[in-house]
């Protein structure tokens, strides 16, 4: 493709877009709306996944050491516990520390304040790499000498719940994004189809004098590309403003910090790339879909 042809195709594509001002505006507006909805679901999924990862990090296993072992013997087990598959880290908690934490938790109840330290056992708080393997890790920890069967406390039901929520959220997000993407391509294709319909006689004449399908197709591809790019730019900045408004609202109303959000500044680059790629694919895909029928002359 020569430099002259590139300028010609770009000029024709831009002319086609502006010559159908209202329809082009409507198509860009609807595509922007679809991109924002897709972006919103994606950002919700990203934040939900971040919250779940934070919850997973707090979902620890407690491995209780046999009561007959001294503190020194209990501490000596740390390296063996670290070598268990799927263990990300271990923290030793002596019986004295466990007793102090228990009394602090129930400081208003005098019944628990007199409990001696010997009533508590040395233990390890264990962080996991993947909570989906919690059952296997629990069994491996119970096999360690000095721990034994029944001495590992693991919240397996809660872990399964986290995994289910994450999987369902991911599937719903992917399905919705796919549906909205198809809708956007369909809308873009119908808009560009109006341009091709107005020029169907011109296209037929160009075909009869020997113009190739590629030469006829490229202006419409550029038109779709420009419309998709404009949609992506407008959608990105609207998404940014909407996200910041929602984050500000959450920060104002969530006084107990129950909901955590990922700053947009940490992911704006990824969002920009996704919007640009999605917008251009929608535009070019719609163009190719619209022009195919009119090339069969």
C-alpha atoms as a PDB file:
ATOM      1  CA  UNK A   1       0.000   0.000   0.000  1.00  0.00           C
ATOM      2  CA  UNK A   2       1.533   3.320  -1.134  1.00  0.00           C
ATOM      3  CA  UNK A   3       1.769   6.482   0.927  1.00  0.00           C
ATOM      4  CA  UNK A   4      -0.647   8.184  -1.498  1.00  0.00           C
ATOM      5  CA  UNK A   5      -3.239   5.462  -0.991  1.00  0.00           C
ATOM      6  CA  UNK A   6      -2.956   5.669   2.802  1.00  0.00           C
ATOM      7  CA  UNK A   7      -3.737   9.412   2.764  1.00  0.00           C
ATOM      8  CA  UNK A   8      -6.588   8.828   0.319  1.00  0.00           C
ATOM      9  CA  UNK A   9      -8.129   6.084   2.451  1.00  0.00           C
ATOM     10  CA  UNK A  10      -7.756   8.149   5.638  1.00  0.00           C
ATOM     11  CA  UNK A  11      -9.324  11.188   3.964  1.00  0.00           C
ATOM     12  CA  UNK A  12     -12.238   9.154   2.606  1.00  0.00           C
ATOM     13  CA  UNK A  13     -12.779   7.442   5.959  1.00  0.00           C
ATOM     14  CA  UNK A  14     -12.856  10.766   7.833  1.00  0.00           C
ATOM     15  CA  UNK A  15     -15.149  12.296   5.189  1.00  0.00           C
ATOM     16  CA  UNK A  16     -17.573   9.377   5.424  1.00  0.00           C
ATOM     17  CA  UNK A  17     -17.683   9.667   9.204  1.00  0.00           C
ATOM     18  CA  UNK A  18     -18.434  13.412   9.241  1.00  0.00           C
ATOM     19  CA  UNK A  19     -20.814  13.259   6.264  1.00  0.00           C
ATOM     20  CA  UNK A  20     -23.165  11.130   8.380  1.00  0.00           C
ATOM     21  CA  UNK A  21     -22.896  13.392  11.402  1.00  0.00           C
ATOM     22  CA  UNK A  22     -25.958  12.357  13.383  1.00  0.00           C
ATOM     23  CA  UNK A  23     -25.612   8.617  12.747  1.00  0.00           C
ATOM     24  CA  UNK A  24     -21.884   8.723  13.436  1.00  0.00           C
ATOM     25  CA  UNK A  25     -22.523  10.669  16.647  1.00  0.00           C
ATOM     26  CA  UNK A  26     -25.214   8.171  17.680  1.00  0.00           C
ATOM     27  CA  UNK A  27     -22.950   5.221  16.922  1.00  0.00           C
ATOM     28  CA  UNK A  28     -20.039   6.730  18.846  1.00  0.00           C
ATOM     29  CA  UNK A  29     -22.350   7.546  21.753  1.00  0.00           C
ATOM     30  CA  UNK A  30     -23.751   4.020  21.954  1.00  0.00           C
ATOM     31  CA  UNK A  31     -20.278   2.507  21.582  1.00  0.00           C
ATOM     32  CA  UNK A  32     -19.022   4.766  24.388  1.00  0.00           C
ATOM     33  CA  UNK A  33     -21.909   3.589  26.567  1.00  0.00           C
ATOM     34  CA  UNK A  34     -21.084  -0.055  25.827  1.00  0.00           C
ATOM     35  CA  UNK A  35     -17.385   0.531  26.547  1.00  0.00           C
ATOM     36  CA  UNK A  36     -18.203   2.219  29.857  1.00  0.00           C
ATOM     37  CA  UNK A  37     -20.499  -0.644  30.867  1.00  0.00           C
ATOM     38  CA  UNK A  38     -17.828  -3.175  29.889  1.00  0.00           C
ATOM     39  CA  UNK A  39     -15.201  -1.135  31.724  1.00  0.00           C
ATOM     40  CA  UNK A  40     -17.394  -0.820  34.805  1.00  0.00           C
ATOM     41  CA  UNK A  41     -17.961  -4.565  35.053  1.00  0.00           C
ATOM     42  CA  UNK A  42     -14.239  -5.135  34.532  1.00  0.00           C
ATOM     43  CA  UNK A  43     -13.274  -2.640  37.245  1.00  0.00           C
ATOM     44  CA  UNK A  44     -15.839  -4.143  39.623  1.00  0.00           C
ATOM     45  CA  UNK A  45     -14.320  -7.575  38.966  1.00  0.00           C
ATOM     46  CA  UNK A  46     -10.789  -6.216  39.539  1.00  0.00           C
ATOM     47  CA  UNK A  47     -11.785  -4.619  42.857  1.00  0.00           C
ATOM     48  CA  UNK A  48     -13.736  -7.709  43.945  1.00  0.00           C
ATOM     49  CA  UNK A  49     -10.722  -9.883  43.173  1.00  0.00           C
ATOM     50  CA  UNK A  50      -8.459  -7.514  45.135  1.00  0.00           C
ATOM     51  CA  UNK A  51     -10.810  -7.689  48.133  1.00  0.00           C
ATOM     52  CA  UNK A  52     -10.956 -11.481  47.904  1.00  0.00           C
ATOM     53  CA  UNK A  53      -7.164 -11.692  47.762  1.00  0.00           C
ATOM     54  CA  UNK A  54      -6.994  -9.517  50.868  1.00  0.00           C
ATOM     55  CA  UNK A  55      -9.496 -11.782  52.614  1.00  0.00           C
ATOM     56  CA  UNK A  56      -7.541 -14.826  51.494  1.00  0.00           C
ATOM     57  CA  UNK A  57      -4.387 -13.353  53.012  1.00  0.00           C
ATOM     58  CA  UNK A  58      -6.219 -13.050  56.341  1.00  0.00           C
ATOM     59  CA  UNK A  59      -7.623 -16.577  56.108  1.00  0.00           C
ATOM     60  CA  UNK A  60      -4.889 -18.393  58.017  1.00  0.00           C
ATOM     61  CA  UNK A  61      -4.482 -21.939  59.262  1.00  0.00           C
ATOM     62  CA  UNK A  62      -3.619 -22.454  62.909  1.00  0.00           C
ATOM     63  CA  UNK A  63      -1.398 -25.452  63.680  1.00  0.00           C
ATOM     64  CA  UNK A  64      -1.339 -26.299  67.418  1.00  0.00           C
ATOM     65  CA  UNK A  65       1.826 -27.831  68.831  1.00  0.00           C
ATOM     66  CA  UNK A  66       1.606 -30.858  71.129  1.00  0.00           C
ATOM     67  CA  UNK A  67       1.184 -29.694  74.708  1.00  0.00           C
ATOM     68  CA  UNK A  68       4.118 -31.760  75.964  1.00  0.00           C
ATOM     69  CA  UNK A  69       6.661 -29.827  73.864  1.00  0.00           C
ATOM     70  CA  UNK A  70       8.592 -26.909  75.326  1.00  0.00           C
ATOM     71  CA  UNK A  71       8.708 -23.509  73.644  1.00  0.00           C
ATOM     72  CA  UNK A  72      12.218 -24.194  72.321  1.00  0.00           C
ATOM     73  CA  UNK A  73      11.091 -27.535  70.835  1.00  0.00           C
ATOM     74  CA  UNK A  74       8.035 -25.876  69.320  1.00  0.00           C
ATOM     75  CA  UNK A  75      10.129 -23.126  67.717  1.00  0.00           C
ATOM     76  CA  UNK A  76      12.466 -25.742  66.249  1.00  0.00           C
ATOM     77  CA  UNK A  77       9.591 -27.000  64.077  1.00  0.00           C
ATOM     78  CA  UNK A  78       9.379 -23.771  62.077  1.00  0.00           C
ATOM     79  CA  UNK A  79      11.670 -24.808  59.233  1.00  0.00           C
ATOM     80  CA  UNK A  80       9.851 -28.096  58.708  1.00  0.00           C
ATOM     81  CA  UNK A  81       6.521 -26.298  58.563  1.00  0.00           C
ATOM     82  CA  UNK A  82       7.882 -23.813  56.019  1.00  0.00           C
ATOM     83  CA  UNK A  83       8.873 -26.711  53.761  1.00  0.00           C
ATOM     84  CA  UNK A  84       5.276 -28.004  53.531  1.00  0.00           C
ATOM     85  CA  UNK A  85       3.900 -27.437  49.996  1.00  0.00           C
ATOM     86  CA  UNK A  86       1.569 -24.431  49.575  1.00  0.00           C
ATOM     87  CA  UNK A  87       2.839 -22.725  52.746  1.00  0.00           C
ATOM     88  CA  UNK A  88       3.685 -19.056  52.090  1.00  0.00           C
ATOM     89  CA  UNK A  89       4.794 -18.148  55.608  1.00  0.00           C
ATOM     90  CA  UNK A  90       4.595 -19.175  59.256  1.00  0.00           C
ATOM     91  CA  UNK A  91       4.431 -17.132  62.454  1.00  0.00           C
ATOM     92  CA  UNK A  92       5.127 -18.681  65.852  1.00  0.00           C
ATOM     93  CA  UNK A  93       2.774 -17.751  68.705  1.00  0.00           C
ATOM     94  CA  UNK A  94       3.789 -18.864  72.166  1.00  0.00           C
ATOM     95  CA  UNK A  95       1.252 -19.939  74.774  1.00  0.00           C
ATOM     96  CA  UNK A  96       1.943 -16.714  76.693  1.00  0.00           C
ATOM     97  CA  UNK A  97       1.180 -14.575  73.628  1.00  0.00           C
ATOM     98  CA  UNK A  98      -1.946 -16.623  72.919  1.00  0.00           C
ATOM     99  CA  UNK A  99      -3.127 -16.173  76.522  1.00  0.00           C
ATOM    100  CA  UNK A 100      -2.559 -12.412  76.405  1.00  0.00           C
ATOM    101  CA  UNK A 101      -4.459 -12.114  73.131  1.00  0.00           C
ATOM    102  CA  UNK A 102      -7.350 -14.136  74.559  1.00  0.00           C
ATOM    103  CA  UNK A 103      -7.564 -12.029  77.732  1.00  0.00           C
ATOM    104  CA  UNK A 104      -7.396  -8.843  75.688  1.00  0.00           C
ATOM    105  CA  UNK A 105     -10.262 -10.042  73.524  1.00  0.00           C
ATOM    106  CA  UNK A 106     -12.421 -10.824  76.557  1.00  0.00           C
ATOM    107  CA  UNK A 107     -11.147  -8.115  78.868  1.00  0.00           C
ATOM    108  CA  UNK A 108     -14.682  -7.327  80.073  1.00  0.00           C
ATOM    109  CA  UNK A 109     -15.297 -10.892  81.207  1.00  0.00           C
ATOM    110  CA  UNK A 110     -13.658 -11.583  84.577  1.00  0.00           C
ATOM    111  CA  UNK A 111     -14.194 -15.317  84.135  1.00  0.00           C
ATOM    112  CA  UNK A 112     -11.483 -15.499  81.465  1.00  0.00           C
ATOM    113  CA  UNK A 113      -8.994 -13.126  83.062  1.00  0.00           C
ATOM    114  CA  UNK A 114      -7.722 -15.691  85.581  1.00  0.00           C
ATOM    115  CA  UNK A 115      -6.896 -18.427  83.081  1.00  0.00           C
ATOM    116  CA  UNK A 116      -3.252 -19.521  83.469  1.00  0.00           C
ATOM    117  CA  UNK A 117      -0.896 -19.472  80.480  1.00  0.00           C
ATOM    118  CA  UNK A 118      -0.484 -23.257  80.683  1.00  0.00           C
ATOM    119  CA  UNK A 119      -4.072 -23.682  79.508  1.00  0.00           C
ATOM    120  CA  UNK A 120      -2.967 -22.434  76.093  1.00  0.00           C
ATOM    121  CA  UNK A 121      -0.731 -24.197  73.613  1.00  0.00           C
ATOM    122  CA  UNK A 122       2.091 -22.992  71.406  1.00  0.00           C
ATOM    123  CA  UNK A 123       0.872 -22.585  67.842  1.00  0.00           C
ATOM    124  CA  UNK A 124       1.785 -21.451  64.362  1.00  0.00           C
ATOM    125  CA  UNK A 125      -0.253 -19.088  62.191  1.00  0.00           C
ATOM    126  CA  UNK A 126       0.286 -20.308  58.648  1.00  0.00           C
ATOM    127  CA  UNK A 127      -0.346 -18.311  55.456  1.00  0.00           C
ATOM    128  CA  UNK A 128      -1.136 -20.221  52.284  1.00  0.00           C
ATOM    129  CA  UNK A 129      -0.128 -19.636  48.685  1.00  0.00           C
ATOM    130  CA  UNK A 130      -3.457 -20.959  47.332  1.00  0.00           C
ATOM    131  CA  UNK A 131      -6.456 -21.377  49.633  1.00  0.00           C
ATOM    132  CA  UNK A 132      -7.943 -23.736  47.046  1.00  0.00           C
ATOM    133  CA  UNK A 133      -5.445 -26.334  48.336  1.00  0.00           C
ATOM    134  CA  UNK A 134      -6.335 -25.787  51.989  1.00  0.00           C
ATOM    135  CA  UNK A 135      -7.522 -29.369  52.582  1.00  0.00           C
ATOM    136  CA  UNK A 136      -4.314 -30.884  51.192  1.00  0.00           C
ATOM    137  CA  UNK A 137      -2.177 -28.444  53.174  1.00  0.00           C
ATOM    138  CA  UNK A 138      -4.089 -29.215  56.366  1.00  0.00           C
ATOM    139  CA  UNK A 139      -3.458 -32.939  55.900  1.00  0.00           C
ATOM    140  CA  UNK A 140       0.252 -32.307  55.243  1.00  0.00           C
ATOM    141  CA  UNK A 141       0.561 -30.177  58.395  1.00  0.00           C
ATOM    142  CA  UNK A 142      -1.178 -32.818  60.526  1.00  0.00           C
ATOM    143  CA  UNK A 143       1.434 -35.314  59.300  1.00  0.00           C
ATOM    144  CA  UNK A 144       4.261 -33.216  60.807  1.00  0.00           C
ATOM    145  CA  UNK A 145       5.625 -34.716  64.007  1.00  0.00           C
ATOM    146  CA  UNK A 146       4.667 -32.504  66.933  1.00  0.00           C
ATOM    147  CA  UNK A 147       1.389 -31.383  65.340  1.00  0.00           C
ATOM    148  CA  UNK A 148      -0.645 -34.514  64.713  1.00  0.00           C
ATOM    149  CA  UNK A 149      -4.181 -35.236  63.479  1.00  0.00           C
ATOM    150  CA  UNK A 150      -6.931 -32.925  64.734  1.00  0.00           C
ATOM    151  CA  UNK A 151      -4.500 -30.182  65.757  1.00  0.00           C
ATOM    152  CA  UNK A 152      -4.879 -27.986  62.662  1.00  0.00           C
ATOM    153  CA  UNK A 153      -7.696 -25.434  62.532  1.00  0.00           C
ATOM    154  CA  UNK A 154      -8.665 -24.530  58.956  1.00  0.00           C
ATOM    155  CA  UNK A 155     -11.758 -22.675  57.723  1.00  0.00           C
ATOM    156  CA  UNK A 156     -12.308 -24.845  54.672  1.00  0.00           C
ATOM    157  CA  UNK A 157     -15.941 -23.810  54.087  1.00  0.00           C
ATOM    158  CA  UNK A 158     -15.012 -20.117  54.080  1.00  0.00           C
ATOM    159  CA  UNK A 159     -12.146 -20.795  51.669  1.00  0.00           C
ATOM    160  CA  UNK A 160     -14.481 -22.666  49.320  1.00  0.00           C
ATOM    161  CA  UNK A 161     -16.888 -19.722  49.520  1.00  0.00           C
ATOM    162  CA  UNK A 162     -14.158 -17.266  48.515  1.00  0.00           C
ATOM    163  CA  UNK A 163     -13.226 -19.416  45.520  1.00  0.00           C
ATOM    164  CA  UNK A 164     -16.859 -19.805  44.408  1.00  0.00           C
ATOM    165  CA  UNK A 165     -17.504 -16.059  44.592  1.00  0.00           C
ATOM    166  CA  UNK A 166     -14.355 -15.286  42.615  1.00  0.00           C
ATOM    167  CA  UNK A 167     -15.162 -17.856  39.912  1.00  0.00           C
ATOM    168  CA  UNK A 168     -18.793 -16.763  39.545  1.00  0.00           C
ATOM    169  CA  UNK A 169     -17.812 -13.084  39.381  1.00  0.00           C
ATOM    170  CA  UNK A 170     -15.225 -13.858  36.700  1.00  0.00           C
ATOM    171  CA  UNK A 171     -17.668 -15.849  34.556  1.00  0.00           C
ATOM    172  CA  UNK A 172     -20.427 -13.229  34.826  1.00  0.00           C
ATOM    173  CA  UNK A 173     -17.976 -10.477  33.918  1.00  0.00           C
ATOM    174  CA  UNK A 174     -16.659 -12.337  30.853  1.00  0.00           C
ATOM    175  CA  UNK A 175     -20.180 -13.173  29.598  1.00  0.00           C
ATOM    176  CA  UNK A 176     -21.430  -9.597  29.984  1.00  0.00           C
ATOM    177  CA  UNK A 177     -18.355  -8.134  28.299  1.00  0.00           C
ATOM    178  CA  UNK A 178     -18.707 -10.575  25.384  1.00  0.00           C
ATOM    179  CA  UNK A 179     -22.405  -9.718  24.921  1.00  0.00           C
ATOM    180  CA  UNK A 180     -21.763  -5.984  25.042  1.00  0.00           C
ATOM    181  CA  UNK A 181     -18.866  -6.319  22.604  1.00  0.00           C
ATOM    182  CA  UNK A 182     -21.092  -8.112  20.070  1.00  0.00           C
ATOM    183  CA  UNK A 183     -23.816  -5.475  20.527  1.00  0.00           C
ATOM    184  CA  UNK A 184     -21.284  -2.707  19.912  1.00  0.00           C
ATOM    185  CA  UNK A 185     -19.994  -4.347  16.719  1.00  0.00           C
ATOM    186  CA  UNK A 186     -23.577  -4.773  15.479  1.00  0.00           C
ATOM    187  CA  UNK A 187     -24.385  -1.093  16.101  1.00  0.00           C
ATOM    188  CA  UNK A 188     -21.185   0.072  14.413  1.00  0.00           C
ATOM    189  CA  UNK A 189     -21.823  -2.227  11.447  1.00  0.00           C
ATOM    190  CA  UNK A 190     -25.325  -0.832  10.939  1.00  0.00           C
ATOM    191  CA  UNK A 191     -24.052   2.748  11.065  1.00  0.00           C
ATOM    192  CA  UNK A 192     -21.363   2.112   8.461  1.00  0.00           C
ATOM    193  CA  UNK A 193     -23.843   0.111   6.390  1.00  0.00           C
ATOM    194  CA  UNK A 194     -25.765   3.361   5.836  1.00  0.00           C
ATOM    195  CA  UNK A 195     -22.645   4.867   4.304  1.00  0.00           C
ATOM    196  CA  UNK A 196     -22.135   1.914   2.021  1.00  0.00           C
ATOM    197  CA  UNK A 197     -25.827   1.916   1.032  1.00  0.00           C
ATOM    198  CA  UNK A 198     -25.629   5.562  -0.039  1.00  0.00           C
ATOM    199  CA  UNK A 199     -22.545   4.738  -2.110  1.00  0.00           C
ATOM    200  CA  UNK A 200     -23.672   1.383  -3.487  1.00  0.00           C
ATOM    201  CA  UNK A 201     -23.861   2.716  -7.068  1.00  0.00           C
ATOM    202  CA  UNK A 202     -20.391   4.233  -6.752  1.00  0.00           C
ATOM    203  CA  UNK A 203     -19.058   0.940  -5.400  1.00  0.00           C
ATOM    204  CA  UNK A 204     -20.636  -0.952  -8.325  1.00  0.00           C
ATOM    205  CA  UNK A 205     -19.031   1.414 -10.850  1.00  0.00           C
ATOM    206  CA  UNK A 206     -15.635   1.107  -9.137  1.00  0.00           C
ATOM    207  CA  UNK A 207     -15.932  -2.675  -9.314  1.00  0.00           C
ATOM    208  CA  UNK A 208     -16.796  -2.534 -13.037  1.00  0.00           C
ATOM    209  CA  UNK A 209     -13.750  -0.369 -13.884  1.00  0.00           C
ATOM    210  CA  UNK A 210     -11.444  -2.798 -12.095  1.00  0.00           C
ATOM    211  CA  UNK A 211     -11.104  -1.470  -8.521  1.00  0.00           C
ATOM    212  CA  UNK A 212     -10.101  -4.232  -6.143  1.00  0.00           C
ATOM    213  CA  UNK A 213     -12.124  -5.168  -3.097  1.00  0.00           C
ATOM    214  CA  UNK A 214      -9.271  -3.956  -0.900  1.00  0.00           C
ATOM    215  CA  UNK A 215      -9.234  -0.509  -2.515  1.00  0.00           C
ATOM    216  CA  UNK A 216     -12.985  -0.154  -1.950  1.00  0.00           C
ATOM    217  CA  UNK A 217     -12.896  -1.625   1.562  1.00  0.00           C
ATOM    218  CA  UNK A 218     -10.092   0.455   3.109  1.00  0.00           C
ATOM    219  CA  UNK A 219     -11.952   3.816   3.399  1.00  0.00           C
ATOM    220  CA  UNK A 220     -14.711   2.082   5.353  1.00  0.00           C
ATOM    221  CA  UNK A 221     -12.144   0.353   7.552  1.00  0.00           C
ATOM    222  CA  UNK A 222     -10.568   3.740   8.323  1.00  0.00           C
ATOM    223  CA  UNK A 223     -14.007   5.153   9.068  1.00  0.00           C
ATOM    224  CA  UNK A 224     -14.717   2.367  11.574  1.00  0.00           C
ATOM    225  CA  UNK A 225     -11.210   2.697  13.003  1.00  0.00           C
ATOM    226  CA  UNK A 226     -11.663   6.438  13.639  1.00  0.00           C
ATOM    227  CA  UNK A 227     -15.117   5.990  15.152  1.00  0.00           C
ATOM    228  CA  UNK A 228     -13.840   3.233  17.415  1.00  0.00           C
ATOM    229  CA  UNK A 229     -10.818   5.310  18.436  1.00  0.00           C
ATOM    230  CA  UNK A 230     -12.962   8.368  19.244  1.00  0.00           C
ATOM    231  CA  UNK A 231     -15.300   6.142  21.238  1.00  0.00           C
ATOM    232  CA  UNK A 232     -12.358   4.689  23.178  1.00  0.00           C
ATOM    233  CA  UNK A 233     -10.880   8.116  24.046  1.00  0.00           C
ATOM    234  CA  UNK A 234     -14.211   9.573  25.155  1.00  0.00           C
ATOM    235  CA  UNK A 235     -15.149   6.382  27.032  1.00  0.00           C
ATOM    236  CA  UNK A 236     -11.800   6.248  28.840  1.00  0.00           C
ATOM    237  CA  UNK A 237     -12.051   9.746  30.320  1.00  0.00           C
ATOM    238  CA  UNK A 238     -15.722   9.276  31.229  1.00  0.00           C
ATOM    239  CA  UNK A 239     -14.839   5.963  32.909  1.00  0.00           C
ATOM    240  CA  UNK A 240     -12.038   7.654  34.825  1.00  0.00           C
ATOM    241  CA  UNK A 241     -14.354  10.389  36.103  1.00  0.00           C
ATOM    242  CA  UNK A 242     -17.092   7.898  36.991  1.00  0.00           C
ATOM    243  CA  UNK A 243     -14.666   5.631  38.843  1.00  0.00           C
ATOM    244  CA  UNK A 244     -13.189   8.486  40.865  1.00  0.00           C
ATOM    245  CA  UNK A 245     -16.705   9.701  41.775  1.00  0.00           C
ATOM    246  CA  UNK A 246     -17.687   6.222  42.988  1.00  0.00           C
ATOM    247  CA  UNK A 247     -14.444   5.818  44.954  1.00  0.00           C
ATOM    248  CA  UNK A 248     -14.982   9.214  46.593  1.00  0.00           C
ATOM    249  CA  UNK A 249     -18.546   8.271  47.488  1.00  0.00           C
ATOM    250  CA  UNK A 250     -17.402   4.979  49.021  1.00  0.00           C
ATOM    251  CA  UNK A 251     -14.676   6.739  51.020  1.00  0.00           C
ATOM    252  CA  UNK A 252     -17.238   9.243  52.348  1.00  0.00           C
ATOM    253  CA  UNK A 253     -19.906   6.718  53.347  1.00  0.00           C
ATOM    254  CA  UNK A 254     -17.866   3.633  54.306  1.00  0.00           C
ATOM    255  CA  UNK A 255     -16.656   4.835  57.706  1.00  0.00           C
ATOM    256  CA  UNK A 256     -15.527   1.366  58.838  1.00  0.00           C
ATOM    257  CA  UNK A 257     -13.435   0.735  55.709  1.00  0.00           C
ATOM    258  CA  UNK A 258     -15.383  -2.397  54.835  1.00  0.00           C
ATOM    259  CA  UNK A 259     -14.849  -1.868  51.097  1.00  0.00           C
ATOM    260  CA  UNK A 260     -11.379  -1.313  49.684  1.00  0.00           C
ATOM    261  CA  UNK A 261     -10.803   0.047  46.182  1.00  0.00           C
ATOM    262  CA  UNK A 262      -7.850  -0.076  43.813  1.00  0.00           C
ATOM    263  CA  UNK A 263      -6.670   3.457  42.861  1.00  0.00           C
ATOM    264  CA  UNK A 264      -7.349   4.240  39.203  1.00  0.00           C
ATOM    265  CA  UNK A 265      -3.799   5.596  38.902  1.00  0.00           C
ATOM    266  CA  UNK A 266      -2.538   2.043  39.482  1.00  0.00           C
ATOM    267  CA  UNK A 267      -4.400   0.661  36.475  1.00  0.00           C
ATOM    268  CA  UNK A 268      -5.097   3.562  34.105  1.00  0.00           C
ATOM    269  CA  UNK A 269      -2.537   2.274  31.597  1.00  0.00           C
ATOM    270  CA  UNK A 270      -4.198  -1.149  31.378  1.00  0.00           C
ATOM    271  CA  UNK A 271      -7.652   0.448  31.129  1.00  0.00           C
ATOM    272  CA  UNK A 272      -6.480   2.788  28.339  1.00  0.00           C
ATOM    273  CA  UNK A 273      -5.020  -0.095  26.329  1.00  0.00           C
ATOM    274  CA  UNK A 274      -8.160  -2.218  26.800  1.00  0.00           C
ATOM    275  CA  UNK A 275     -10.435   0.661  25.753  1.00  0.00           C
ATOM    276  CA  UNK A 276      -8.275   1.466  22.713  1.00  0.00           C
ATOM    277  CA  UNK A 277      -8.089  -2.151  21.546  1.00  0.00           C
ATOM    278  CA  UNK A 278     -11.800  -2.799  22.184  1.00  0.00           C
ATOM    279  CA  UNK A 279     -12.837   0.445  20.473  1.00  0.00           C
ATOM    280  CA  UNK A 280     -10.727  -0.182  17.376  1.00  0.00           C
ATOM    281  CA  UNK A 281     -11.815  -3.825  17.143  1.00  0.00           C
ATOM    282  CA  UNK A 282     -15.452  -2.767  17.386  1.00  0.00           C
ATOM    283  CA  UNK A 283     -14.973  -0.130  14.687  1.00  0.00           C
ATOM    284  CA  UNK A 284     -12.956  -2.241  12.268  1.00  0.00           C
ATOM    285  CA  UNK A 285     -15.094  -5.326  12.901  1.00  0.00           C
ATOM    286  CA  UNK A 286     -18.259  -3.347  12.247  1.00  0.00           C
ATOM    287  CA  UNK A 287     -16.797  -1.928   9.024  1.00  0.00           C
ATOM    288  CA  UNK A 288     -15.757  -5.302   7.649  1.00  0.00           C
ATOM    289  CA  UNK A 289     -19.146  -6.761   8.525  1.00  0.00           C
ATOM    290  CA  UNK A 290     -20.998  -3.885   6.828  1.00  0.00           C
ATOM    291  CA  UNK A 291     -19.006  -3.731   3.582  1.00  0.00           C
ATOM    292  CA  UNK A 292     -18.945  -7.472   2.847  1.00  0.00           C
ATOM    293  CA  UNK A 293     -22.430  -7.544   1.268  1.00  0.00           C
ATOM    294  CA  UNK A 294     -21.811  -4.575  -1.021  1.00  0.00           C
ATOM    295  CA  UNK A 295     -18.585  -6.014  -2.449  1.00  0.00           C
ATOM    296  CA  UNK A 296     -20.503  -8.926  -3.971  1.00  0.00           C
ATOM    297  CA  UNK A 297     -21.354  -7.077  -7.184  1.00  0.00           C
END
